[in-house]
Amino acid sequence: YKAAQGLQPPLVQHLRASAISSAFDPKAEALHFQLTTALQADENEFGCPEGFELDAQGEFCVDRDECSEGPTPCSHSCHNAPGRFSCSCPLGFALARDDRNCRDVDEWAWDAHLCQEGQRCVNLFGSYHCLPDCRPGFRVAPHGAGCEDVDECLEESDECHFNQICENTPGGHHCSCPRGYRTQSPGLPCLDINECLQLPQTCAFQCQNLQGGYRCLCPQGQTLLRDGKTCIPLERSDQNVTTVSHRGPLGPWLRPRAPFPRGSSHAWVS
């Protein structure tokens, strides 16, 4: 009665039928019969074939419903049959080698053409999903509607080092130095630009270099115009106030400054 032994040999036990029913399948145009039977137990072995058990009187072998016994032999669905049982799995799963437990099916491994061109197949537990195949630097937009750029400057704070400024670009990013500084090479700090060494000369009289900027100075008795570079004679009415300007990474700004002591030069900081 085992599969390895082939077909069941001719019965030597008595067969008892307790119920019979029939049902017609109009689609298949077939009449199906169902017969409830029991085998008489072998008097010599006092036992029943595999998948059967003695009835209450101990005379006949009746089918043992493995699916109703606990624990169930199947991980998902169990189907009883005379002398045996079978297991089945829901959609998206397949039986493992033991024919009892269900395992997830990787649909893409079975059929690489499940998703359209330009999409990639993502395996889910018991299912799969087609998502846009986004290039590096992009990701799937919410609800799977196309691809969107990844802003590395917002999401990855360590992309640019030292005092570099991160600029997002489509599909990537760029690290640059603030105004008044220049780059050396990737991974190195920004270097200050000495504006006082540039040609044409930055200041009309005297230039003082600062970190990220510079300062223009004028001789005694002169002050700077609003361009922050040109010196003009200081009018007598303006001798009580000296204007200071600083030009750096944040741009120029102006503020009043206390007058210099007698004998010193007036300066416009730029």
C-alpha atoms as a PDB file:
ATOM      1  CA  TYR A   1       0.000   0.000   0.000  1.00  0.00           C
ATOM      2  CA  LYS A   2       3.043   2.238  -0.172  1.00  0.00           C
ATOM      3  CA  ALA A   3       3.932   4.182  -3.291  1.00  0.00           C
ATOM      4  CA  ALA A   4       7.295   2.440  -3.545  1.00  0.00           C
ATOM      5  CA  GLN A   5       5.540  -0.943  -3.754  1.00  0.00           C
ATOM      6  CA  GLY A   6       3.475  -0.049  -6.790  1.00  0.00           C
ATOM      7  CA  LEU A   7      -0.233  -0.624  -7.303  1.00  0.00           C
ATOM      8  CA  GLN A   8      -2.385  -2.183  -4.611  1.00  0.00           C
ATOM      9  CA  PRO A   9      -2.550  -5.996  -5.049  1.00  0.00           C
ATOM     10  CA  PRO A  10      -5.864  -7.837  -5.236  1.00  0.00           C
ATOM     11  CA  LEU A  11      -7.790  -7.466  -1.997  1.00  0.00           C
ATOM     12  CA  VAL A  12      -8.259 -10.433   0.246  1.00  0.00           C
ATOM     13  CA  GLN A  13     -10.293  -8.507   2.803  1.00  0.00           C
ATOM     14  CA  HIS A  14     -14.021  -8.006   2.682  1.00  0.00           C
ATOM     15  CA  LEU A  15     -15.114  -4.588   1.425  1.00  0.00           C
ATOM     16  CA  ARG A  16     -18.036  -2.900   3.127  1.00  0.00           C
ATOM     17  CA  ALA A  17     -19.852   0.018   1.479  1.00  0.00           C
ATOM     18  CA  SER A  18     -21.788   2.265   3.812  1.00  0.00           C
ATOM     19  CA  ALA A  19     -22.855   5.113   1.552  1.00  0.00           C
ATOM     20  CA  ILE A  20     -22.893   6.054  -2.111  1.00  0.00           C
ATOM     21  CA  SER A  21     -23.605   9.394  -3.750  1.00  0.00           C
ATOM     22  CA  SER A  22     -23.424  10.838  -7.252  1.00  0.00           C
ATOM     23  CA  ALA A  23     -23.139  14.301  -8.799  1.00  0.00           C
ATOM     24  CA  PHE A  24     -23.383  15.421 -12.421  1.00  0.00           C
ATOM     25  CA  ASP A  25     -20.841  17.958 -13.757  1.00  0.00           C
ATOM     26  CA  PRO A  26     -22.545  19.771 -16.668  1.00  0.00           C
ATOM     27  CA  LYS A  27     -19.329  21.467 -17.841  1.00  0.00           C
ATOM     28  CA  ALA A  28     -17.421  18.192 -18.070  1.00  0.00           C
ATOM     29  CA  GLU A  29     -20.573  16.243 -18.955  1.00  0.00           C
ATOM     30  CA  ALA A  30     -19.546  13.618 -16.438  1.00  0.00           C
ATOM     31  CA  LEU A  31     -21.250  11.772 -13.604  1.00  0.00           C
ATOM     32  CA  HIS A  32     -19.097  11.487 -10.486  1.00  0.00           C
ATOM     33  CA  PHE A  33     -19.719   8.797  -7.861  1.00  0.00           C
ATOM     34  CA  GLN A  34     -18.505   8.803  -4.280  1.00  0.00           C
ATOM     35  CA  LEU A  35     -18.492   5.571  -2.308  1.00  0.00           C
ATOM     36  CA  THR A  36     -17.788   5.302   1.405  1.00  0.00           C
ATOM     37  CA  THR A  37     -16.152   1.957   2.076  1.00  0.00           C
ATOM     38  CA  ALA A  38     -14.271   0.055   4.719  1.00  0.00           C
ATOM     39  CA  LEU A  39     -11.934  -2.948   4.532  1.00  0.00           C
ATOM     40  CA  GLN A  40     -12.203  -5.929   6.822  1.00  0.00           C
ATOM     41  CA  ALA A  41      -9.154  -6.126   9.028  1.00  0.00           C
ATOM     42  CA  ASP A  42      -6.640  -8.912   8.473  1.00  0.00           C
ATOM     43  CA  GLU A  43      -7.203 -11.492  11.206  1.00  0.00           C
ATOM     44  CA  ASN A  44      -3.569 -12.577  11.121  1.00  0.00           C
ATOM     45  CA  GLU A  45      -1.955  -9.142  11.422  1.00  0.00           C
ATOM     46  CA  PHE A  46      -4.662  -7.447  13.470  1.00  0.00           C
ATOM     47  CA  GLY A  47      -3.967  -4.241  11.619  1.00  0.00           C
ATOM     48  CA  CYS A  48      -4.933  -2.001   8.732  1.00  0.00           C
ATOM     49  CA  PRO A  49      -3.075  -0.689   5.702  1.00  0.00           C
ATOM     50  CA  GLU A  50      -1.320   2.667   5.932  1.00  0.00           C
ATOM     51  CA  GLY A  51      -3.828   5.484   5.949  1.00  0.00           C
ATOM     52  CA  PHE A  52      -6.568   3.353   7.529  1.00  0.00           C
ATOM     53  CA  GLU A  53      -7.561   2.530  11.087  1.00  0.00           C
ATOM     54  CA  LEU A  54      -9.908   0.095  12.806  1.00  0.00           C
ATOM     55  CA  ASP A  55     -13.478   1.158  13.353  1.00  0.00           C
ATOM     56  CA  ALA A  56     -15.123   1.193  16.776  1.00  0.00           C
ATOM     57  CA  GLN A  57     -16.046  -2.500  16.497  1.00  0.00           C
ATOM     58  CA  GLY A  58     -12.496  -3.435  15.540  1.00  0.00           C
ATOM     59  CA  GLU A  59     -13.685  -5.381  12.514  1.00  0.00           C
ATOM     60  CA  PHE A  60     -13.244  -3.114   9.494  1.00  0.00           C
ATOM     61  CA  CYS A  61     -10.550  -0.652   8.429  1.00  0.00           C
ATOM     62  CA  VAL A  62     -11.842   2.844   7.750  1.00  0.00           C
ATOM     63  CA  ASP A  63     -10.008   5.776   6.247  1.00  0.00           C
ATOM     64  CA  ARG A  64      -8.004   7.848   8.713  1.00  0.00           C
ATOM     65  CA  ASP A  65      -8.608  11.568   8.194  1.00  0.00           C
ATOM     66  CA  GLU A  66      -5.106  12.941   8.695  1.00  0.00           C
ATOM     67  CA  CYS A  67      -6.312  16.502   8.022  1.00  0.00           C
ATOM     68  CA  SER A  68      -8.652  16.527  11.020  1.00  0.00           C
ATOM     69  CA  GLU A  69      -6.035  15.175  13.393  1.00  0.00           C
ATOM     70  CA  GLY A  70      -3.827  17.536  15.271  1.00  0.00           C
ATOM     71  CA  PRO A  71      -1.371  18.861  14.532  1.00  0.00           C
ATOM     72  CA  THR A  72      -2.229  19.159  10.846  1.00  0.00           C
ATOM     73  CA  PRO A  73       0.428  17.611   8.578  1.00  0.00           C
ATOM     74  CA  CYS A  74       0.284  20.527   6.102  1.00  0.00           C
ATOM     75  CA  SER A  75       1.493  24.068   6.633  1.00  0.00           C
ATOM     76  CA  HIS A  76      -1.468  25.517   4.700  1.00  0.00           C
ATOM     77  CA  SER A  77      -4.268  23.454   3.103  1.00  0.00           C
ATOM     78  CA  CYS A  78      -4.807  19.748   3.746  1.00  0.00           C
ATOM     79  CA  HIS A  79      -6.968  17.493   1.528  1.00  0.00           C
ATOM     80  CA  ASN A  80      -7.987  14.056   2.789  1.00  0.00           C
ATOM     81  CA  ALA A  81      -8.373  11.071   0.450  1.00  0.00           C
ATOM     82  CA  PRO A  82      -8.930   7.335   1.068  1.00  0.00           C
ATOM     83  CA  GLY A  83      -5.754   6.023   2.619  1.00  0.00           C
ATOM     84  CA  ARG A  84      -3.782   9.196   2.068  1.00  0.00           C
ATOM     85  CA  PHE A  85      -3.796  12.989   2.125  1.00  0.00           C
ATOM     86  CA  SER A  86      -2.309  15.810   0.070  1.00  0.00           C
ATOM     87  CA  CYS A  87      -1.204  19.376   0.763  1.00  0.00           C
ATOM     88  CA  SER A  88      -1.665  22.481  -1.360  1.00  0.00           C
ATOM     89  CA  CYS A  89      -0.470  26.077  -1.219  1.00  0.00           C
ATOM     90  CA  PRO A  90      -2.105  29.435  -1.925  1.00  0.00           C
ATOM     91  CA  LEU A  91      -1.197  31.527  -4.963  1.00  0.00           C
ATOM     92  CA  GLY A  92       2.398  32.726  -4.818  1.00  0.00           C
ATOM     93  CA  PHE A  93       3.611  29.677  -2.874  1.00  0.00           C
ATOM     94  CA  ALA A  94       4.758  26.189  -3.847  1.00  0.00           C
ATOM     95  CA  LEU A  95       5.233  22.918  -1.997  1.00  0.00           C
ATOM     96  CA  ALA A  96       8.698  22.211  -0.665  1.00  0.00           C
ATOM     97  CA  ARG A  97      10.504  18.898  -1.171  1.00  0.00           C
ATOM     98  CA  ASP A  98       8.651  17.345   1.771  1.00  0.00           C
ATOM     99  CA  ASP A  99       5.275  17.939  -0.010  1.00  0.00           C
ATOM    100  CA  ARG A 100       3.923  19.367   3.229  1.00  0.00           C
ATOM    101  CA  ASN A 101       5.327  22.841   3.770  1.00  0.00           C
ATOM    102  CA  CYS A 102       4.794  25.828   1.488  1.00  0.00           C
ATOM    103  CA  ARG A 103       7.613  28.145   0.457  1.00  0.00           C
ATOM    104  CA  ASP A 104       7.505  31.517  -1.225  1.00  0.00           C
ATOM    105  CA  VAL A 105       7.871  31.514  -5.003  1.00  0.00           C
ATOM    106  CA  ASP A 106      10.328  34.001  -6.505  1.00  0.00           C
ATOM    107  CA  GLU A 107       8.227  34.878  -9.544  1.00  0.00           C
ATOM    108  CA  TRP A 108      11.070  36.707 -11.296  1.00  0.00           C
ATOM    109  CA  ALA A 109      13.265  33.587 -11.095  1.00  0.00           C
ATOM    110  CA  TRP A 110      10.542  31.592 -12.834  1.00  0.00           C
ATOM    111  CA  ASP A 111       9.585  34.194 -15.442  1.00  0.00           C
ATOM    112  CA  ALA A 112      11.844  37.189 -16.139  1.00  0.00           C
ATOM    113  CA  HIS A 113       9.192  38.776 -18.380  1.00  0.00           C
ATOM    114  CA  LEU A 114       6.542  39.382 -15.725  1.00  0.00           C
ATOM    115  CA  CYS A 115       7.293  43.138 -15.713  1.00  0.00           C
ATOM    116  CA  GLN A 116       7.423  45.479 -18.682  1.00  0.00           C
ATOM    117  CA  GLU A 117      10.587  46.965 -20.164  1.00  0.00           C
ATOM    118  CA  GLY A 118      12.017  49.664 -17.898  1.00  0.00           C
ATOM    119  CA  GLN A 119      10.646  47.969 -14.785  1.00  0.00           C
ATOM    120  CA  ARG A 120      12.184  45.612 -12.264  1.00  0.00           C
ATOM    121  CA  CYS A 121      10.468  42.765 -10.446  1.00  0.00           C
ATOM    122  CA  VAL A 122      10.476  42.912  -6.645  1.00  0.00           C
ATOM    123  CA  ASN A 123       9.626  39.645  -4.934  1.00  0.00           C
ATOM    124  CA  LEU A 124       7.156  39.870  -2.053  1.00  0.00           C
ATOM    125  CA  PHE A 125       6.018  37.200   0.384  1.00  0.00           C
ATOM    126  CA  GLY A 126       3.526  35.273  -1.696  1.00  0.00           C
ATOM    127  CA  SER A 127       3.482  37.783  -4.523  1.00  0.00           C
ATOM    128  CA  TYR A 128       5.565  40.244  -6.551  1.00  0.00           C
ATOM    129  CA  HIS A 129       5.485  43.884  -7.605  1.00  0.00           C
ATOM    130  CA  CYS A 130       6.741  45.738 -10.680  1.00  0.00           C
ATOM    131  CA  LEU A 131       8.578  48.991  -9.939  1.00  0.00           C
ATOM    132  CA  PRO A 132      10.360  51.496 -12.197  1.00  0.00           C
ATOM    133  CA  ASP A 133      14.005  50.600 -12.775  1.00  0.00           C
ATOM    134  CA  CYS A 134      15.616  53.841 -11.566  1.00  0.00           C
ATOM    135  CA  ARG A 135      19.173  54.865 -12.400  1.00  0.00           C
ATOM    136  CA  PRO A 136      21.753  55.507  -9.631  1.00  0.00           C
ATOM    137  CA  GLY A 137      20.973  58.757  -7.849  1.00  0.00           C
ATOM    138  CA  PHE A 138      17.238  58.282  -8.369  1.00  0.00           C
ATOM    139  CA  ARG A 139      14.616  56.268  -6.494  1.00  0.00           C
ATOM    140  CA  VAL A 140      11.055  55.130  -6.972  1.00  0.00           C
ATOM    141  CA  ALA A 141       8.618  57.980  -6.385  1.00  0.00           C
ATOM    142  CA  PRO A 142       5.734  57.575  -3.901  1.00  0.00           C
ATOM    143  CA  HIS A 143       3.070  55.112  -5.050  1.00  0.00           C
ATOM    144  CA  GLY A 144       5.519  53.789  -7.676  1.00  0.00           C
ATOM    145  CA  ALA A 145       4.802  56.630 -10.104  1.00  0.00           C
ATOM    146  CA  GLY A 146       8.139  56.908 -11.923  1.00  0.00           C
ATOM    147  CA  CYS A 147      11.532  57.896 -10.520  1.00  0.00           C
ATOM    148  CA  GLU A 148      12.552  60.944  -8.497  1.00  0.00           C
ATOM    149  CA  ASP A 149      15.953  62.486  -7.792  1.00  0.00           C
ATOM    150  CA  VAL A 150      17.630  61.722  -4.460  1.00  0.00           C
ATOM    151  CA  ASP A 151      18.810  64.914  -2.736  1.00  0.00           C
ATOM    152  CA  GLU A 152      22.076  63.679  -1.258  1.00  0.00           C
ATOM    153  CA  CYS A 153      22.691  67.075   0.351  1.00  0.00           C
ATOM    154  CA  LEU A 154      19.589  66.686   2.534  1.00  0.00           C
ATOM    155  CA  GLU A 155      19.681  62.975   3.249  1.00  0.00           C
ATOM    156  CA  GLU A 156      23.434  62.304   3.498  1.00  0.00           C
ATOM    157  CA  SER A 157      25.002  65.044   5.603  1.00  0.00           C
ATOM    158  CA  ASP A 158      28.552  63.659   5.321  1.00  0.00           C
ATOM    159  CA  GLU A 159      28.793  63.868   1.538  1.00  0.00           C
ATOM    160  CA  CYS A 160      30.859  67.093   1.630  1.00  0.00           C
ATOM    161  CA  HIS A 161      33.667  67.593   4.151  1.00  0.00           C
ATOM    162  CA  PHE A 162      35.273  70.553   5.927  1.00  0.00           C
ATOM    163  CA  ASN A 163      33.603  73.857   4.973  1.00  0.00           C
ATOM    164  CA  GLN A 164      32.510  72.743   1.509  1.00  0.00           C
ATOM    165  CA  ILE A 165      29.003  73.476   0.243  1.00  0.00           C
ATOM    166  CA  CYS A 166      26.885  70.609  -1.113  1.00  0.00           C
ATOM    167  CA  GLU A 167      24.976  71.309  -4.334  1.00  0.00           C
ATOM    168  CA  ASN A 168      22.410  68.744  -5.470  1.00  0.00           C
ATOM    169  CA  THR A 169      22.388  67.784  -9.151  1.00  0.00           C
ATOM    170  CA  PRO A 170      20.076  65.422 -11.085  1.00  0.00           C
ATOM    171  CA  GLY A 171      21.230  61.955 -10.148  1.00  0.00           C
ATOM    172  CA  GLY A 172      24.141  63.140  -8.001  1.00  0.00           C
ATOM    173  CA  HIS A 173      25.689  66.053  -6.137  1.00  0.00           C
ATOM    174  CA  HIS A 174      28.647  68.442  -6.266  1.00  0.00           C
ATOM    175  CA  CYS A 175      30.858  69.791  -3.483  1.00  0.00           C
ATOM    176  CA  SER A 176      32.120  73.370  -3.889  1.00  0.00           C
ATOM    177  CA  CYS A 177      33.899  75.945  -1.767  1.00  0.00           C
ATOM    178  CA  PRO A 178      32.247  79.092  -0.379  1.00  0.00           C
ATOM    179  CA  ARG A 179      32.933  82.500  -1.904  1.00  0.00           C
ATOM    180  CA  GLY A 180      36.466  83.638  -1.167  1.00  0.00           C
ATOM    181  CA  TYR A 181      37.860  80.078  -1.150  1.00  0.00           C
ATOM    182  CA  ARG A 182      39.085  77.684  -3.836  1.00  0.00           C
ATOM    183  CA  THR A 183      39.203  73.909  -4.078  1.00  0.00           C
ATOM    184  CA  GLN A 184      42.346  71.804  -3.888  1.00  0.00           C
ATOM    185  CA  SER A 185      41.261  68.264  -4.693  1.00  0.00           C
ATOM    186  CA  PRO A 186      38.501  65.908  -3.488  1.00  0.00           C
ATOM    187  CA  GLY A 187      38.729  65.220   0.243  1.00  0.00           C
ATOM    188  CA  LEU A 188      40.901  68.262   1.060  1.00  0.00           C
ATOM    189  CA  PRO A 189      39.884  71.537   2.773  1.00  0.00           C
ATOM    190  CA  CYS A 190      39.137  74.682   0.803  1.00  0.00           C
ATOM    191  CA  LEU A 191      41.974  77.226   0.547  1.00  0.00           C
ATOM    192  CA  ASP A 192      41.522  80.943   1.127  1.00  0.00           C
ATOM    193  CA  ILE A 193      41.881  83.119  -1.983  1.00  0.00           C
ATOM    194  CA  ASN A 194      44.307  86.035  -1.480  1.00  0.00           C
ATOM    195  CA  GLU A 195      42.408  88.744  -3.336  1.00  0.00           C
ATOM    196  CA  CYS A 196      45.239  91.206  -2.684  1.00  0.00           C
ATOM    197  CA  LEU A 197      47.507  89.290  -5.094  1.00  0.00           C
ATOM    198  CA  GLN A 198      45.017  89.315  -7.946  1.00  0.00           C
ATOM    199  CA  LEU A 199      45.354  91.517 -11.019  1.00  0.00           C
ATOM    200  CA  PRO A 200      44.036  94.056 -11.640  1.00  0.00           C
ATOM    201  CA  GLN A 201      44.581  95.221  -8.078  1.00  0.00           C
ATOM    202  CA  THR A 202      41.573  94.862  -5.825  1.00  0.00           C
ATOM    203  CA  CYS A 203      42.043  98.096  -3.823  1.00  0.00           C
ATOM    204  CA  ALA A 204      43.052 101.561  -5.018  1.00  0.00           C
ATOM    205  CA  PHE A 205      45.465 102.180  -2.116  1.00  0.00           C
ATOM    206  CA  GLN A 206      46.128  99.264   0.270  1.00  0.00           C
ATOM    207  CA  CYS A 207      44.655  95.731   0.459  1.00  0.00           C
ATOM    208  CA  GLN A 208      44.532  93.499   3.521  1.00  0.00           C
ATOM    209  CA  ASN A 209      43.658  89.820   2.982  1.00  0.00           C
ATOM    210  CA  LEU A 210      41.142  88.146   5.313  1.00  0.00           C
ATOM    211  CA  GLN A 211      39.863  84.580   5.582  1.00  0.00           C
ATOM    212  CA  GLY A 212      37.243  84.352   2.848  1.00  0.00           C
ATOM    213  CA  GLY A 213      37.505  88.054   1.969  1.00  0.00           C
ATOM    214  CA  TYR A 214      39.668  91.184   1.985  1.00  0.00           C
ATOM    215  CA  ARG A 215      39.838  94.749   3.357  1.00  0.00           C
ATOM    216  CA  CYS A 216      40.663  97.967   1.510  1.00  0.00           C
ATOM    217  CA  LEU A 217      42.454 100.753   3.440  1.00  0.00           C
ATOM    218  CA  CYS A 218      42.800 104.458   2.642  1.00  0.00           C
ATOM    219  CA  PRO A 219      45.467 106.980   3.725  1.00  0.00           C
ATOM    220  CA  GLN A 220      44.787 109.564   6.411  1.00  0.00           C
ATOM    221  CA  GLY A 221      42.300 112.150   5.310  1.00  0.00           C
ATOM    222  CA  GLN A 222      40.561 109.944   2.786  1.00  0.00           C
ATOM    223  CA  THR A 223      37.647 107.532   2.862  1.00  0.00           C
ATOM    224  CA  LEU A 224      36.265 104.856   0.564  1.00  0.00           C
ATOM    225  CA  LEU A 225      33.447 105.166  -1.872  1.00  0.00           C
ATOM    226  CA  ARG A 226      30.618 102.693  -1.795  1.00  0.00           C
ATOM    227  CA  ASP A 227      32.443 100.501  -4.302  1.00  0.00           C
ATOM    228  CA  GLY A 228      34.684  99.563  -1.360  1.00  0.00           C
ATOM    229  CA  LYS A 229      37.854 100.153  -3.397  1.00  0.00           C
ATOM    230  CA  THR A 230      38.281 103.826  -4.352  1.00  0.00           C
ATOM    231  CA  CYS A 231      39.594 106.459  -1.900  1.00  0.00           C
ATOM    232  CA  ILE A 232      38.370 110.084  -1.925  1.00  0.00           C
ATOM    233  CA  PRO A 233      39.224 113.053   0.323  1.00  0.00           C
ATOM    234  CA  LEU A 234      37.241 113.046   3.550  1.00  0.00           C
ATOM    235  CA  GLU A 235      34.926 116.048   3.741  1.00  0.00           C
ATOM    236  CA  ARG A 236      35.068 118.056   6.920  1.00  0.00           C
ATOM    237  CA  SER A 237      31.401 117.337   7.630  1.00  0.00           C
ATOM    238  CA  ASP A 238      32.111 113.593   7.522  1.00  0.00           C
ATOM    239  CA  GLN A 239      35.118 113.580   9.858  1.00  0.00           C
ATOM    240  CA  ASN A 240      33.096 112.296  12.799  1.00  0.00           C
ATOM    241  CA  VAL A 241      31.982 109.064  11.065  1.00  0.00           C
ATOM    242  CA  THR A 242      33.993 106.429   9.235  1.00  0.00           C
ATOM    243  CA  THR A 243      32.160 103.865   7.105  1.00  0.00           C
ATOM    244  CA  VAL A 244      33.305 100.245   7.283  1.00  0.00           C
ATOM    245  CA  SER A 245      32.542  97.607   4.659  1.00  0.00           C
ATOM    246  CA  HIS A 246      33.473  93.925   4.753  1.00  0.00           C
ATOM    247  CA  ARG A 247      33.388  91.693   1.710  1.00  0.00           C
ATOM    248  CA  GLY A 248      33.439  87.982   2.395  1.00  0.00           C
ATOM    249  CA  PRO A 249      31.587  84.730   1.819  1.00  0.00           C
ATOM    250  CA  LEU A 250      28.282  86.243   2.933  1.00  0.00           C
ATOM    251  CA  GLY A 251      28.552  89.335   0.683  1.00  0.00           C
ATOM    252  CA  PRO A 252      29.204  93.020   1.506  1.00  0.00           C
ATOM    253  CA  TRP A 253      27.701  94.830   4.486  1.00  0.00           C
ATOM    254  CA  LEU A 254      27.964  98.428   5.756  1.00  0.00           C
ATOM    255  CA  ARG A 255      27.918  99.823   9.272  1.00  0.00           C
ATOM    256  CA  PRO A 256      28.957 103.093  10.973  1.00  0.00           C
ATOM    257  CA  ARG A 257      32.182 102.945  12.904  1.00  0.00           C
ATOM    258  CA  ALA A 258      33.604 105.196  15.617  1.00  0.00           C
ATOM    259  CA  PRO A 259      36.045 107.842  14.241  1.00  0.00           C
ATOM    260  CA  PHE A 260      39.706 106.941  14.193  1.00  0.00           C
ATOM    261  CA  PRO A 261      42.057 108.735  16.600  1.00  0.00           C
ATOM    262  CA  ARG A 262      43.719 111.838  15.215  1.00  0.00           C
ATOM    263  CA  GLY A 263      46.628 110.953  12.993  1.00  0.00           C
ATOM    264  CA  SER A 264      45.343 107.510  11.881  1.00  0.00           C
ATOM    265  CA  SER A 265      44.122 106.534   8.416  1.00  0.00           C
ATOM    266  CA  HIS A 266      40.460 106.041   7.629  1.00  0.00           C
ATOM    267  CA  ALA A 267      39.609 102.590   6.292  1.00  0.00           C
ATOM    268  CA  TRP A 268      36.789 101.049   4.333  1.00  0.00           C
ATOM    269  CA  VAL A 269      36.822  97.332   5.078  1.00  0.00           C
ATOM    270  CA  SER A 270      35.983  95.264   2.053  1.00  0.00           C
END
